[in-house]
N, C-alpha and C. Protein backbone atom coordinates (compact mmCIF):
# COMPACT_ATOMS: atom_id res chain seq x y z
N MET A 1 107.34 108.24 134.60
CA MET A 1 107.19 108.02 133.18
C MET A 1 107.07 106.53 132.90
N LYS A 2 107.84 105.71 133.62
CA LYS A 2 107.82 104.27 133.41
C LYS A 2 106.44 103.71 133.75
N GLY A 3 105.83 104.20 134.81
CA GLY A 3 104.49 103.75 135.20
C GLY A 3 103.45 104.09 134.15
N THR A 4 103.59 105.24 133.53
CA THR A 4 102.67 105.65 132.47
C THR A 4 102.82 104.74 131.27
N SER A 5 104.05 104.39 130.91
CA SER A 5 104.28 103.50 129.77
C SER A 5 103.67 102.13 130.01
N VAL A 6 103.82 101.62 131.23
CA VAL A 6 103.25 100.32 131.57
C VAL A 6 101.73 100.39 131.51
N ALA A 7 101.16 101.46 132.02
CA ALA A 7 99.70 101.61 132.01
C ALA A 7 99.17 101.69 130.58
N VAL A 8 99.86 102.41 129.72
CA VAL A 8 99.44 102.52 128.32
C VAL A 8 99.54 101.16 127.65
N ALA A 9 100.62 100.43 127.90
CA ALA A 9 100.79 99.10 127.31
C ALA A 9 99.70 98.15 127.78
N MET A 10 99.37 98.19 129.05
CA MET A 10 98.31 97.32 129.59
C MET A 10 96.96 97.68 128.98
N LEU A 11 96.68 98.96 128.83
CA LEU A 11 95.43 99.40 128.22
C LEU A 11 95.34 98.91 126.78
N ALA A 12 96.45 99.01 126.06
CA ALA A 12 96.47 98.54 124.66
C ALA A 12 96.21 97.04 124.60
N ILE A 13 96.78 96.28 125.50
CA ILE A 13 96.57 94.83 125.53
C ILE A 13 95.12 94.51 125.83
N ILE A 14 94.52 95.21 126.76
CA ILE A 14 93.11 94.98 127.11
C ILE A 14 92.21 95.29 125.93
N VAL A 15 92.46 96.42 125.26
CA VAL A 15 91.64 96.80 124.09
C VAL A 15 91.79 95.76 123.00
N MET A 16 93.02 95.32 122.72
CA MET A 16 93.23 94.32 121.67
C MET A 16 92.54 93.01 122.02
N ALA A 17 92.57 92.62 123.27
CA ALA A 17 91.93 91.37 123.68
C ALA A 17 90.41 91.45 123.49
N GLN A 18 89.82 92.60 123.70
CA GLN A 18 88.38 92.75 123.52
C GLN A 18 87.99 92.75 122.06
N VAL A 19 88.86 93.21 121.18
CA VAL A 19 88.53 93.32 119.76
C VAL A 19 88.84 92.03 119.01
N MET A 20 89.80 91.25 119.49
CA MET A 20 90.20 90.04 118.77
C MET A 20 89.07 89.04 118.70
N VAL A 21 89.03 88.31 117.59
CA VAL A 21 88.07 87.23 117.40
C VAL A 21 88.85 85.93 117.50
N HIS A 22 88.50 85.10 118.45
CA HIS A 22 89.18 83.84 118.62
C HIS A 22 88.56 82.79 117.72
N PRO A 23 89.37 81.94 117.07
CA PRO A 23 88.85 80.98 116.11
C PRO A 23 87.81 80.03 116.69
N SER A 24 87.87 79.74 117.97
CA SER A 24 86.93 78.79 118.54
C SER A 24 85.61 79.45 118.96
N GLU A 25 85.55 80.77 118.90
CA GLU A 25 84.34 81.48 119.30
C GLU A 25 83.68 82.11 118.08
N ALA A 26 82.36 82.18 118.12
CA ALA A 26 81.65 82.85 117.02
C ALA A 26 81.95 84.33 117.08
N ILE A 27 81.95 84.95 115.92
CA ILE A 27 82.17 86.39 115.84
C ILE A 27 81.03 87.11 116.56
N SER A 28 81.33 88.24 117.15
CA SER A 28 80.29 89.01 117.84
C SER A 28 79.85 90.17 116.95
N CYS A 29 78.67 90.68 117.25
CA CYS A 29 78.18 91.85 116.51
C CYS A 29 79.10 93.05 116.75
N GLY A 30 79.64 93.15 117.94
CA GLY A 30 80.57 94.24 118.24
C GLY A 30 81.83 94.16 117.40
N ALA A 31 82.35 92.94 117.22
CA ALA A 31 83.54 92.76 116.39
C ALA A 31 83.24 93.11 114.94
N LEU A 32 82.08 92.70 114.46
CA LEU A 32 81.68 93.01 113.09
C LEU A 32 81.58 94.52 112.90
N THR A 33 80.94 95.18 113.84
CA THR A 33 80.79 96.64 113.77
C THR A 33 82.15 97.32 113.78
N GLY A 34 83.03 96.83 114.64
CA GLY A 34 84.37 97.42 114.70
C GLY A 34 85.14 97.28 113.41
N MET A 35 85.02 96.12 112.76
CA MET A 35 85.75 95.90 111.52
C MET A 35 85.19 96.74 110.37
N LEU A 36 83.88 96.95 110.38
CA LEU A 36 83.26 97.67 109.27
C LEU A 36 82.97 99.14 109.54
N SER A 37 83.27 99.63 110.73
CA SER A 37 82.97 101.04 111.03
C SER A 37 83.67 102.00 110.07
N PRO A 38 84.90 101.71 109.57
CA PRO A 38 85.48 102.62 108.59
C PRO A 38 84.71 102.66 107.27
N CYS A 39 83.80 101.70 107.07
CA CYS A 39 83.04 101.63 105.82
C CYS A 39 81.75 102.43 105.86
N LEU A 40 81.36 102.93 107.02
CA LEU A 40 80.06 103.60 107.13
C LEU A 40 79.88 104.75 106.14
N PRO A 41 80.87 105.61 105.91
CA PRO A 41 80.66 106.66 104.90
C PRO A 41 80.33 106.07 103.52
N TYR A 42 81.06 105.04 103.13
CA TYR A 42 80.79 104.41 101.83
C TYR A 42 79.42 103.73 101.84
N LEU A 43 79.11 103.01 102.90
CA LEU A 43 77.85 102.26 102.96
C LEU A 43 76.62 103.17 102.97
N ARG A 44 76.79 104.41 103.38
CA ARG A 44 75.68 105.37 103.41
C ARG A 44 75.61 106.22 102.14
N SER A 45 76.78 106.57 101.59
CA SER A 45 76.80 107.56 100.51
C SER A 45 77.45 107.09 99.22
N GLY A 46 78.09 105.94 99.23
CA GLY A 46 78.75 105.45 98.02
C GLY A 46 80.09 106.09 97.81
N GLY A 47 80.51 106.16 96.56
CA GLY A 47 81.82 106.67 96.22
C GLY A 47 82.81 105.53 96.19
N ALA A 48 83.98 105.76 96.71
CA ALA A 48 85.01 104.73 96.78
C ALA A 48 85.28 104.40 98.24
N PRO A 49 85.30 103.11 98.59
CA PRO A 49 85.63 102.76 99.98
C PRO A 49 87.09 103.09 100.27
N THR A 50 87.36 103.47 101.50
CA THR A 50 88.73 103.80 101.90
C THR A 50 89.54 102.52 102.08
N ARG A 51 90.84 102.69 102.16
CA ARG A 51 91.71 101.54 102.43
C ARG A 51 91.37 100.91 103.78
N GLY A 52 91.08 101.74 104.78
CA GLY A 52 90.71 101.22 106.10
C GLY A 52 89.43 100.39 106.03
N CYS A 53 88.50 100.83 105.21
CA CYS A 53 87.26 100.09 105.01
C CYS A 53 87.56 98.73 104.41
N CYS A 54 88.33 98.70 103.33
CA CYS A 54 88.64 97.43 102.67
C CYS A 54 89.46 96.52 103.58
N ASP A 55 90.36 97.09 104.36
CA ASP A 55 91.13 96.28 105.32
C ASP A 55 90.18 95.64 106.33
N GLY A 56 89.20 96.40 106.81
CA GLY A 56 88.22 95.85 107.75
C GLY A 56 87.36 94.76 107.12
N ALA A 57 86.97 94.97 105.86
CA ALA A 57 86.18 93.96 105.16
C ALA A 57 86.98 92.67 104.99
N LYS A 58 88.28 92.80 104.73
CA LYS A 58 89.14 91.62 104.60
C LYS A 58 89.31 90.92 105.94
N ARG A 59 89.43 91.68 107.02
CA ARG A 59 89.52 91.07 108.36
C ARG A 59 88.22 90.34 108.68
N LEU A 60 87.10 90.95 108.31
CA LEU A 60 85.81 90.31 108.56
C LEU A 60 85.71 89.00 107.79
N LEU A 61 86.14 89.00 106.55
CA LEU A 61 86.12 87.78 105.76
C LEU A 61 86.97 86.69 106.42
N GLY A 62 88.12 87.06 106.92
CA GLY A 62 88.98 86.10 107.62
C GLY A 62 88.40 85.61 108.92
N ALA A 63 87.54 86.40 109.54
CA ALA A 63 86.95 86.04 110.83
C ALA A 63 85.64 85.26 110.69
N THR A 64 85.19 85.05 109.46
CA THR A 64 83.91 84.35 109.24
C THR A 64 84.13 83.09 108.41
N ARG A 65 84.98 82.23 108.89
CA ARG A 65 85.33 81.01 108.16
C ARG A 65 84.33 79.87 108.40
N THR A 66 83.69 79.87 109.55
CA THR A 66 82.75 78.78 109.84
C THR A 66 81.32 79.21 109.51
N GLN A 67 80.46 78.22 109.37
CA GLN A 67 79.06 78.52 109.08
C GLN A 67 78.43 79.31 110.22
N ALA A 68 78.78 78.97 111.45
CA ALA A 68 78.23 79.70 112.61
C ALA A 68 78.66 81.17 112.57
N ASP A 69 79.93 81.42 112.22
CA ASP A 69 80.41 82.80 112.12
C ASP A 69 79.68 83.55 111.02
N ARG A 70 79.50 82.91 109.87
CA ARG A 70 78.82 83.57 108.75
C ARG A 70 77.36 83.86 109.10
N ARG A 71 76.70 82.94 109.80
CA ARG A 71 75.31 83.14 110.21
C ARG A 71 75.22 84.32 111.18
N THR A 72 76.13 84.36 112.15
CA THR A 72 76.14 85.46 113.12
C THR A 72 76.39 86.79 112.43
N ALA A 73 77.38 86.82 111.53
CA ALA A 73 77.70 88.07 110.82
C ALA A 73 76.51 88.52 109.98
N CYS A 74 75.84 87.59 109.34
CA CYS A 74 74.67 87.91 108.52
C CYS A 74 73.57 88.52 109.38
N ASN A 75 73.26 87.89 110.50
CA ASN A 75 72.20 88.39 111.38
C ASN A 75 72.57 89.75 111.97
N CYS A 76 73.83 89.92 112.35
CA CYS A 76 74.27 91.21 112.90
C CYS A 76 74.14 92.31 111.86
N ALA A 77 74.59 92.01 110.64
CA ALA A 77 74.53 93.01 109.58
C ALA A 77 73.09 93.37 109.24
N LYS A 78 72.23 92.36 109.16
CA LYS A 78 70.82 92.64 108.85
C LYS A 78 70.17 93.50 109.92
N ALA A 79 70.51 93.26 111.18
CA ALA A 79 69.93 94.04 112.28
C ALA A 79 70.48 95.46 112.31
N ALA A 80 71.76 95.63 112.02
CA ALA A 80 72.40 96.94 112.13
C ALA A 80 72.15 97.84 110.92
N ALA A 81 72.02 97.26 109.75
CA ALA A 81 71.94 98.05 108.52
C ALA A 81 70.85 99.12 108.54
N PRO A 82 69.61 98.79 108.92
CA PRO A 82 68.58 99.85 108.93
C PRO A 82 68.87 100.96 109.94
N GLN A 83 69.40 100.57 111.11
CA GLN A 83 69.70 101.55 112.14
C GLN A 83 70.82 102.49 111.71
N LEU A 84 71.77 101.96 110.95
CA LEU A 84 72.92 102.75 110.52
C LEU A 84 72.69 103.43 109.17
N LYS A 85 71.49 103.23 108.62
CA LYS A 85 71.12 103.84 107.33
C LYS A 85 72.04 103.40 106.19
N VAL A 86 72.35 102.09 106.18
CA VAL A 86 73.18 101.51 105.14
C VAL A 86 72.32 101.27 103.91
N ARG A 87 72.81 101.68 102.76
CA ARG A 87 72.10 101.44 101.50
C ARG A 87 72.46 100.05 100.99
N PRO A 88 71.45 99.21 100.75
CA PRO A 88 71.72 97.83 100.30
C PRO A 88 72.57 97.76 99.02
N ASP A 89 72.38 98.68 98.09
CA ASP A 89 73.16 98.63 96.85
C ASP A 89 74.65 98.89 97.11
N PHE A 90 74.94 99.79 98.03
CA PHE A 90 76.34 100.05 98.36
C PHE A 90 76.93 98.87 99.14
N ALA A 91 76.14 98.30 100.03
CA ALA A 91 76.61 97.15 100.81
C ALA A 91 76.94 95.97 99.90
N SER A 92 76.07 95.70 98.93
CA SER A 92 76.31 94.54 98.06
C SER A 92 77.49 94.77 97.13
N SER A 93 77.84 96.02 96.84
CA SER A 93 78.97 96.28 95.95
C SER A 93 80.31 96.39 96.70
N LEU A 94 80.28 96.43 98.03
CA LEU A 94 81.51 96.61 98.81
C LEU A 94 82.56 95.53 98.55
N PRO A 95 82.21 94.23 98.59
CA PRO A 95 83.26 93.23 98.36
C PRO A 95 83.97 93.42 97.02
N GLY A 96 83.22 93.63 95.96
CA GLY A 96 83.84 93.83 94.65
C GLY A 96 84.73 95.04 94.60
N LYS A 97 84.31 96.14 95.24
CA LYS A 97 85.12 97.36 95.25
C LYS A 97 86.39 97.18 96.05
N CYS A 98 86.36 96.24 97.02
CA CYS A 98 87.55 95.96 97.84
C CYS A 98 88.36 94.79 97.29
N GLY A 99 87.90 94.19 96.19
CA GLY A 99 88.64 93.10 95.58
C GLY A 99 88.57 91.79 96.33
N ILE A 100 87.46 91.55 97.02
CA ILE A 100 87.30 90.29 97.75
C ILE A 100 86.00 89.61 97.33
N THR A 101 85.93 88.32 97.58
CA THR A 101 84.69 87.59 97.37
C THR A 101 84.28 87.00 98.71
N THR A 102 83.00 86.89 98.92
CA THR A 102 82.50 86.39 100.20
C THR A 102 81.36 85.41 99.97
N PRO A 103 81.30 84.34 100.77
CA PRO A 103 80.19 83.41 100.68
C PRO A 103 78.91 83.93 101.34
N ILE A 104 79.02 85.09 101.99
CA ILE A 104 77.87 85.67 102.68
C ILE A 104 77.11 86.54 101.69
N PRO A 105 75.86 86.18 101.35
CA PRO A 105 75.10 87.05 100.45
C PRO A 105 74.78 88.37 101.13
N ILE A 106 74.99 89.46 100.42
CA ILE A 106 74.75 90.78 100.99
C ILE A 106 73.46 91.30 100.39
N ASN A 107 72.39 91.04 101.12
CA ASN A 107 71.05 91.35 100.64
C ASN A 107 70.16 91.47 101.87
N PRO A 108 69.38 92.53 102.01
CA PRO A 108 68.57 92.69 103.21
C PRO A 108 67.47 91.63 103.35
N ASN A 109 67.16 90.90 102.28
CA ASN A 109 66.12 89.88 102.35
C ASN A 109 66.66 88.47 102.49
N VAL A 110 67.97 88.32 102.64
CA VAL A 110 68.55 86.98 102.72
C VAL A 110 68.12 86.29 104.02
N ASN A 111 67.94 84.98 103.94
CA ASN A 111 67.65 84.17 105.12
C ASN A 111 69.00 83.74 105.69
N CYS A 112 69.40 84.29 106.81
CA CYS A 112 70.71 84.02 107.39
C CYS A 112 70.87 82.59 107.88
N ASN A 113 69.77 81.87 108.02
CA ASN A 113 69.84 80.50 108.53
C ASN A 113 70.13 79.47 107.44
N THR A 114 70.14 79.92 106.19
CA THR A 114 70.40 78.95 105.11
C THR A 114 71.74 79.21 104.45
């Protein structure tokens, strides 16, 4: 039983290390997807975003403090949105519905380099 507990703890540490965003590194598309995956039902169909969705959006905001992070997040979101069938109107309303403001414009036509 003790060996199983150690193995589970080690697995949890490995998973957390892969998901964490380090302040000195740019955010990855995988991290962005992980933070916003609870939002997919809202981003596709509207309604009210779940608490998990808003928590992920807040984590994403905290992880995109630098210009490089915001540029990466913008490019990742623009690339993923059509594949995930995200509706631009729902995406642009997500921050307001979650009670947050973001310097990242949420628009499929935005130039992520500016």
